């Protein structure tokens, strides 16, 4: 499921939601259904090894392993 950004017209807040293609999203703050999908910025792939290492270290500290390859997850 992709992560999309939405603007809720009921509570006037922006939220990010994992949304299935056929699902109707609801605001995670107020439960409203009047959401407008926002345009997302495209991130260029990072080519700096030091930046990738820094981000992986931060993700590891926070308990996330999804950005590691299968061989790196066992470490």
PDB file of N, CA and C in Angstrom:
ATOM      1  N   UNK A   1       0.835  -1.174   0.000  1.00  0.00           N
ATOM      2  CA  UNK A   1       0.000   0.000   0.000  1.00  0.00           C
ATOM      3  C   UNK A   1       0.882   1.240   0.000  1.00  0.00           C
ATOM      4  N   UNK A   2       0.560   2.198  -0.840  1.00  0.00           N
ATOM      5  CA  UNK A   2       1.349   3.429  -0.888  1.00  0.00           C
ATOM      6  C   UNK A   2       0.949   4.404   0.212  1.00  0.00           C
ATOM      7  N   UNK A   3       1.868   5.269   0.557  1.00  0.00           N
ATOM      8  CA  UNK A   3       1.655   6.310   1.546  1.00  0.00           C
ATOM      9  C   UNK A   3       1.301   7.590   0.803  1.00  0.00           C
ATOM     10  N   UNK A   4       0.138   8.156   1.138  1.00  0.00           N
ATOM     11  CA  UNK A   4      -0.325   9.384   0.494  1.00  0.00           C
ATOM     12  C   UNK A   4      -0.533  10.468   1.540  1.00  0.00           C
ATOM     13  N   UNK A   5      -0.398  11.718   1.121  1.00  0.00           N
ATOM     14  CA  UNK A   5      -0.694  12.864   1.969  1.00  0.00           C
ATOM     15  C   UNK A   5      -2.070  13.384   1.601  1.00  0.00           C
ATOM     16  N   UNK A   6      -2.865  13.700   2.614  1.00  0.00           N
ATOM     17  CA  UNK A   6      -4.210  14.206   2.413  1.00  0.00           C
ATOM     18  C   UNK A   6      -4.412  15.456   3.251  1.00  0.00           C
ATOM     19  N   UNK A   7      -5.339  16.311   2.797  1.00  0.00           N
ATOM     20  CA  UNK A   7      -5.773  17.467   3.574  1.00  0.00           C
ATOM     21  C   UNK A   7      -7.224  17.233   3.966  1.00  0.00           C
ATOM     22  N   UNK A   8      -7.494  17.310   5.274  1.00  0.00           N
ATOM     23  CA  UNK A   8      -8.844  17.119   5.785  1.00  0.00           C
ATOM     24  C   UNK A   8      -9.552  18.466   5.830  1.00  0.00           C
ATOM     25  N   UNK A   9     -10.693  18.554   5.156  1.00  0.00           N
ATOM     26  CA  UNK A   9     -11.442  19.808   5.146  1.00  0.00           C
ATOM     27  C   UNK A   9     -12.222  20.020   6.437  1.00  0.00           C
ATOM     28  N   UNK A  10     -12.478  18.949   7.166  1.00  0.00           N
ATOM     29  CA  UNK A  10     -13.248  19.063   8.408  1.00  0.00           C
ATOM     30  C   UNK A  10     -12.420  19.685   9.530  1.00  0.00           C
ATOM     31  N   UNK A  11     -11.203  19.173   9.748  1.00  0.00           N
ATOM     32  CA  UNK A  11     -10.368  19.696  10.846  1.00  0.00           C
ATOM     33  C   UNK A  11      -9.205  20.558  10.338  1.00  0.00           C
ATOM     34  N   UNK A  12      -9.117  20.773   9.016  1.00  0.00           N
ATOM     35  CA  UNK A  12      -8.103  21.627   8.396  1.00  0.00           C
ATOM     36  C   UNK A  12      -6.683  21.198   8.774  1.00  0.00           C
ATOM     37  N   UNK A  13      -6.410  19.889   8.659  1.00  0.00           N
ATOM     38  CA  UNK A  13      -5.067  19.387   8.951  1.00  0.00           C
ATOM     39  C   UNK A  13      -4.590  18.502   7.813  1.00  0.00           C
ATOM     40  N   UNK A  14      -3.280  18.337   7.730  1.00  0.00           N
ATOM     41  CA  UNK A  14      -2.676  17.457   6.742  1.00  0.00           C
ATOM     42  C   UNK A  14      -2.265  16.166   7.440  1.00  0.00           C
ATOM     43  N   UNK A  15      -2.587  15.027   6.814  1.00  0.00           N
ATOM     44  CA  UNK A  15      -2.251  13.720   7.377  1.00  0.00           C
ATOM     45  C   UNK A  15      -1.651  12.845   6.294  1.00  0.00           C
ATOM     46  N   UNK A  16      -0.799  11.902   6.695  1.00  0.00           N
ATOM     47  CA  UNK A  16      -0.248  10.904   5.791  1.00  0.00           C
ATOM     48  C   UNK A  16      -0.881   9.574   6.137  1.00  0.00           C
ATOM     49  N   UNK A  17      -1.402   8.872   5.123  1.00  0.00           N
ATOM     50  CA  UNK A  17      -2.110   7.625   5.351  1.00  0.00           C
ATOM     51  C   UNK A  17      -1.647   6.557   4.379  1.00  0.00           C
ATOM     52  N   UNK A  18      -1.590   5.316   4.850  1.00  0.00           N
ATOM     53  CA  UNK A  18      -1.384   4.165   3.981  1.00  0.00           C
ATOM     54  C   UNK A  18      -2.757   3.795   3.435  1.00  0.00           C
ATOM     55  N   UNK A  19      -2.924   3.906   2.137  1.00  0.00           N
ATOM     56  CA  UNK A  19      -4.247   3.724   1.558  1.00  0.00           C
ATOM     57  C   UNK A  19      -4.202   2.686   0.455  1.00  0.00           C
ATOM     58  N   UNK A  20      -5.108   1.731   0.542  1.00  0.00           N
ATOM     59  CA  UNK A  20      -5.290   0.755  -0.517  1.00  0.00           C
ATOM     60  C   UNK A  20      -5.999   1.452  -1.679  1.00  0.00           C
ATOM     61  N   UNK A  21      -5.825   0.974  -2.898  1.00  0.00           N
ATOM     62  CA  UNK A  21      -6.377   1.634  -4.082  1.00  0.00           C
ATOM     63  C   UNK A  21      -7.898   1.753  -4.040  1.00  0.00           C
ATOM     64  N   UNK A  22      -8.592   0.770  -3.496  1.00  0.00           N
ATOM     65  CA  UNK A  22     -10.059   0.811  -3.499  1.00  0.00           C
ATOM     66  C   UNK A  22     -10.653   1.248  -2.160  1.00  0.00           C
ATOM     67  N   UNK A  23      -9.820   1.696  -1.221  1.00  0.00           N
ATOM     68  CA  UNK A  23     -10.307   2.114   0.096  1.00  0.00           C
ATOM     69  C   UNK A  23     -10.675   3.593   0.097  1.00  0.00           C
ATOM     70  N   UNK A  24     -11.625   3.953   0.954  1.00  0.00           N
ATOM     71  CA  UNK A  24     -11.983   5.343   1.162  1.00  0.00           C
ATOM     72  C   UNK A  24     -11.289   5.801   2.439  1.00  0.00           C
ATOM     73  N   UNK A  25     -10.336   6.730   2.329  1.00  0.00           N
ATOM     74  CA  UNK A  25      -9.570   7.128   3.517  1.00  0.00           C
ATOM     75  C   UNK A  25     -10.398   7.983   4.472  1.00  0.00           C
ATOM     76  N   UNK A  26     -10.070   7.895   5.746  1.00  0.00           N
ATOM     77  CA  UNK A  26     -10.667   8.754   6.768  1.00  0.00           C
ATOM     78  C   UNK A  26      -9.539   9.436   7.523  1.00  0.00           C
ATOM     79  N   UNK A  27      -9.804  10.625   7.982  1.00  0.00           N
ATOM     80  CA  UNK A  27      -8.809  11.410   8.711  1.00  0.00           C
ATOM     81  C   UNK A  27      -8.472  10.705  10.022  1.00  0.00           C
ATOM     82  N   UNK A  28      -7.193  10.583  10.308  1.00  0.00           N
ATOM     83  CA  UNK A  28      -6.764   9.914  11.537  1.00  0.00           C
ATOM     84  C   UNK A  28      -6.944  10.810  12.763  1.00  0.00           C
ATOM     85  N   UNK A  29      -7.173  12.089  12.561  1.00  0.00           N
ATOM     86  CA  UNK A  29      -7.337  13.015  13.694  1.00  0.00           C
ATOM     87  C   UNK A  29      -8.796  13.204  14.082  1.00  0.00           C
ATOM     88  N   UNK A  30      -9.679  13.367  13.087  1.00  0.00           N
ATOM     89  CA  UNK A  30     -11.077  13.664  13.423  1.00  0.00           C
ATOM     90  C   UNK A  30     -12.062  12.636  12.879  1.00  0.00           C
ATOM     91  N   UNK A  31     -11.603  11.736  12.008  1.00  0.00           N
ATOM     92  CA  UNK A  31     -12.485  10.731  11.435  1.00  0.00           C
ATOM     93  C   UNK A  31     -13.263  11.215  10.228  1.00  0.00           C
ATOM     94  N   UNK A  32     -12.979  12.429   9.774  1.00  0.00           N
ATOM     95  CA  UNK A  32     -13.683  12.992   8.620  1.00  0.00           C
ATOM     96  C   UNK A  32     -13.357  12.256   7.331  1.00  0.00           C
ATOM     97  N   UNK A  33     -14.305  12.299   6.389  1.00  0.00           N
ATOM     98  CA  UNK A  33     -14.121  11.621   5.108  1.00  0.00           C
ATOM     99  C   UNK A  33     -13.930  12.595   3.953  1.00  0.00           C
ATOM    100  N   UNK A  34     -13.925  13.886   4.224  1.00  0.00           N
ATOM    101  CA  UNK A  34     -13.746  14.887   3.168  1.00  0.00           C
ATOM    102  C   UNK A  34     -12.264  15.202   3.024  1.00  0.00           C
ATOM    103  N   UNK A  35     -11.532  14.267   2.430  1.00  0.00           N
ATOM    104  CA  UNK A  35     -10.090  14.410   2.264  1.00  0.00           C
ATOM    105  C   UNK A  35      -9.740  14.707   0.816  1.00  0.00           C
ATOM    106  N   UNK A  36      -8.775  15.588   0.645  1.00  0.00           N
ATOM    107  CA  UNK A  36      -8.248  15.909  -0.668  1.00  0.00           C
ATOM    108  C   UNK A  36      -6.810  15.415  -0.717  1.00  0.00           C
ATOM    109  N   UNK A  37      -6.496  14.616  -1.749  1.00  0.00           N
ATOM    110  CA  UNK A  37      -5.131  14.104  -1.862  1.00  0.00           C
ATOM    111  C   UNK A  37      -4.203  15.212  -2.322  1.00  0.00           C
ATOM    112  N   UNK A  38      -3.066  15.343  -1.636  1.00  0.00           N
ATOM    113  CA  UNK A  38      -2.088  16.382  -1.946  1.00  0.00           C
ATOM    114  C   UNK A  38      -1.036  15.850  -2.905  1.00  0.00           C
ATOM    115  N   UNK A  39      -0.453  16.752  -3.663  1.00  0.00           N
ATOM    116  CA  UNK A  39       0.638  16.385  -4.556  1.00  0.00           C
ATOM    117  C   UNK A  39       1.867  16.070  -3.722  1.00  0.00           C
ATOM    118  N   UNK A  40       2.544  15.011  -4.079  1.00  0.00           N
ATOM    119  CA  UNK A  40       3.757  14.617  -3.364  1.00  0.00           C
ATOM    120  C   UNK A  40       4.982  15.024  -4.161  1.00  0.00           C
ATOM    121  N   UNK A  41       6.021  15.394  -3.430  1.00  0.00           N
ATOM    122  CA  UNK A  41       7.287  15.701  -4.095  1.00  0.00           C
ATOM    123  C   UNK A  41       8.027  14.406  -4.354  1.00  0.00           C
ATOM    124  N   UNK A  42       8.674  14.348  -5.485  1.00  0.00           N
ATOM    125  CA  UNK A  42       9.460  13.175  -5.837  1.00  0.00           C
ATOM    126  C   UNK A  42      10.869  13.364  -5.304  1.00  0.00           C
ATOM    127  N   UNK A  43      11.348  12.377  -4.587  1.00  0.00           N
ATOM    128  CA  UNK A  43      12.702  12.453  -4.040  1.00  0.00           C
ATOM    129  C   UNK A  43      13.669  11.756  -4.988  1.00  0.00           C
ATOM    130  N   UNK A  44      14.714  12.454  -5.331  1.00  0.00           N
ATOM    131  CA  UNK A  44      15.737  11.851  -6.188  1.00  0.00           C
ATOM    132  C   UNK A  44      16.478  10.784  -5.388  1.00  0.00           C
ATOM    133  N   UNK A  45      16.882   9.703  -6.057  1.00  0.00           N
ATOM    134  CA  UNK A  45      17.598   8.659  -5.315  1.00  0.00           C
ATOM    135  C   UNK A  45      18.919   9.195  -4.785  1.00  0.00           C
ATOM    136  N   UNK A  46      19.206   8.870  -3.528  1.00  0.00           N
ATOM    137  CA  UNK A  46      20.447   9.324  -2.909  1.00  0.00           C
ATOM    138  C   UNK A  46      21.637   8.539  -3.432  1.00  0.00           C
ATOM    139  N   UNK A  47      22.715   9.220  -3.693  1.00  0.00           N
ATOM    140  CA  UNK A  47      23.903   8.547  -4.209  1.00  0.00           C
ATOM    141  C   UNK A  47      25.066   8.625  -3.224  1.00  0.00           C
ATOM    142  N   UNK A  48      24.845   9.288  -2.114  1.00  0.00           N
ATOM    143  CA  UNK A  48      25.911   9.441  -1.146  1.00  0.00           C
ATOM    144  C   UNK A  48      25.897   8.276  -0.164  1.00  0.00           C
ATOM    145  N   UNK A  49      26.979   7.550  -0.078  1.00  0.00           N
ATOM    146  CA  UNK A  49      27.059   6.408   0.838  1.00  0.00           C
ATOM    147  C   UNK A  49      27.025   6.865   2.288  1.00  0.00           C
ATOM    148  N   UNK A  50      27.637   7.990   2.581  1.00  0.00           N
ATOM    149  CA  UNK A  50      27.643   8.462   3.966  1.00  0.00           C
ATOM    150  C   UNK A  50      26.236   8.876   4.401  1.00  0.00           C
ATOM    151  N   UNK A  51      25.479   9.484   3.493  1.00  0.00           N
ATOM    152  CA  UNK A  51      24.095   9.858   3.805  1.00  0.00           C
ATOM    153  C   UNK A  51      23.258   8.607   4.054  1.00  0.00           C
ATOM    154  N   UNK A  52      23.410   7.597   3.212  1.00  0.00           N
ATOM    155  CA  UNK A  52      22.673   6.347   3.379  1.00  0.00           C
ATOM    156  C   UNK A  52      23.042   5.687   4.699  1.00  0.00           C
ATOM    157  N   UNK A  53      24.312   5.707   5.045  1.00  0.00           N
ATOM    158  CA  UNK A  53      24.751   5.111   6.309  1.00  0.00           C
ATOM    159  C   UNK A  53      24.140   5.857   7.492  1.00  0.00           C
ATOM    160  N   UNK A  54      24.114   7.186   7.418  1.00  0.00           N
ATOM    161  CA  UNK A  54      23.519   7.988   8.484  1.00  0.00           C
ATOM    162  C   UNK A  54      22.041   7.680   8.638  1.00  0.00           C
ATOM    163  N   UNK A  55      21.314   7.602   7.526  1.00  0.00           N
ATOM    164  CA  UNK A  55      19.880   7.329   7.576  1.00  0.00           C
ATOM    165  C   UNK A  55      19.600   5.909   8.074  1.00  0.00           C
ATOM    166  N   UNK A  56      20.429   4.964   7.700  1.00  0.00           N
ATOM    167  CA  UNK A  56      20.249   3.589   8.175  1.00  0.00           C
ATOM    168  C   UNK A  56      20.517   3.488   9.669  1.00  0.00           C
ATOM    169  N   UNK A  57      21.497   4.225  10.160  1.00  0.00           N
ATOM    170  CA  UNK A  57      21.793   4.237  11.589  1.00  0.00           C
ATOM    171  C   UNK A  57      20.617   4.818  12.358  1.00  0.00           C
ATOM    172  N   UNK A  58      20.059   5.902  11.851  1.00  0.00           N
ATOM    173  CA  UNK A  58      18.903   6.522  12.496  1.00  0.00           C
ATOM    174  C   UNK A  58      17.710   5.575  12.475  1.00  0.00           C
ATOM    175  N   UNK A  59      17.458   4.926  11.341  1.00  0.00           N
ATOM    176  CA  UNK A  59      16.344   3.981  11.237  1.00  0.00           C
ATOM    177  C   UNK A  59      16.532   2.813  12.193  1.00  0.00           C
ATOM    178  N   UNK A  60      17.747   2.346  12.328  1.00  0.00           N
ATOM    179  CA  UNK A  60      18.044   1.244  13.242  1.00  0.00           C
ATOM    180  C   UNK A  60      17.777   1.651  14.686  1.00  0.00           C
ATOM    181  N   UNK A  61      18.172   2.874  15.045  1.00  0.00           N
ATOM    182  CA  UNK A  61      17.918   3.382  16.390  1.00  0.00           C
ATOM    183  C   UNK A  61      16.424   3.444  16.682  1.00  0.00           C
ATOM    184  N   UNK A  62      15.624   3.781  15.659  1.00  0.00           N
ATOM    185  CA  UNK A  62      14.175   3.907  15.821  1.00  0.00           C
ATOM    186  C   UNK A  62      13.456   2.577  15.664  1.00  0.00           C
ATOM    187  N   UNK A  63      14.195   1.528  15.324  1.00  0.00           N
ATOM    188  CA  UNK A  63      13.591   0.209  15.228  1.00  0.00           C
ATOM    189  C   UNK A  63      13.072  -0.169  13.850  1.00  0.00           C
ATOM    190  N   UNK A  64      13.377   0.613  12.833  1.00  0.00           N
ATOM    191  CA  UNK A  64      12.930   0.321  11.476  1.00  0.00           C
ATOM    192  C   UNK A  64      13.989  -0.496  10.749  1.00  0.00           C
ATOM    193  N   UNK A  65      13.596  -1.533  10.046  1.00  0.00           N
ATOM    194  CA  UNK A  65      14.555  -2.338   9.287  1.00  0.00           C
ATOM    195  C   UNK A  65      14.170  -2.444   7.820  1.00  0.00           C
ATOM    196  N   UNK A  66      13.094  -1.783   7.393  1.00  0.00           N
ATOM    197  CA  UNK A  66      12.610  -1.959   6.032  1.00  0.00           C
ATOM    198  C   UNK A  66      13.558  -1.400   4.980  1.00  0.00           C
ATOM    199  N   UNK A  67      14.444  -0.467   5.333  1.00  0.00           N
ATOM    200  CA  UNK A  67      15.345   0.100   4.343  1.00  0.00           C
ATOM    201  C   UNK A  67      16.673  -0.637   4.268  1.00  0.00           C
ATOM    202  N   UNK A  68      16.799  -1.760   4.982  1.00  0.00           N
ATOM    203  CA  UNK A  68      17.998  -2.582   4.937  1.00  0.00           C
ATOM    204  C   UNK A  68      17.780  -3.741   3.970  1.00  0.00           C
ATOM    205  N   UNK A  69      18.836  -4.200   3.334  1.00  0.00           N
ATOM    206  CA  UNK A  69      18.732  -5.386   2.494  1.00  0.00           C
ATOM    207  C   UNK A  69      18.579  -6.609   3.390  1.00  0.00           C
ATOM    208  N   UNK A  70      18.186  -7.734   2.827  1.00  0.00           N
ATOM    209  CA  UNK A  70      17.963  -8.946   3.627  1.00  0.00           C
ATOM    210  C   UNK A  70      19.235  -9.357   4.379  1.00  0.00           C
ATOM    211  N   UNK A  71      20.404  -9.210   3.748  1.00  0.00           N
ATOM    212  CA  UNK A  71      21.647  -9.605   4.413  1.00  0.00           C
ATOM    213  C   UNK A  71      21.999  -8.670   5.572  1.00  0.00           C
ATOM    214  N   UNK A  72      21.563  -7.416   5.513  1.00  0.00           N
ATOM    215  CA  UNK A  72      21.867  -6.470   6.565  1.00  0.00           C
ATOM    216  C   UNK A  72      20.898  -6.559   7.742  1.00  0.00           C
ATOM    217  N   UNK A  73      19.707  -7.127   7.565  1.00  0.00           N
ATOM    218  CA  UNK A  73      18.710  -7.179   8.622  1.00  0.00           C
ATOM    219  C   UNK A  73      19.124  -8.057   9.790  1.00  0.00           C
ATOM    220  N   UNK A  74      19.979  -9.051   9.559  1.00  0.00           N
ATOM    221  CA  UNK A  74      20.394  -9.947  10.626  1.00  0.00           C
ATOM    222  C   UNK A  74      21.416  -9.349  11.562  1.00  0.00           C
ATOM    223  N   UNK A  75      21.991  -8.240  11.206  1.00  0.00           N
ATOM    224  CA  UNK A  75      23.057  -7.632  12.004  1.00  0.00           C
ATOM    225  C   UNK A  75      22.519  -6.934  13.227  1.00  0.00           C
TER     226      UNK A  75
END
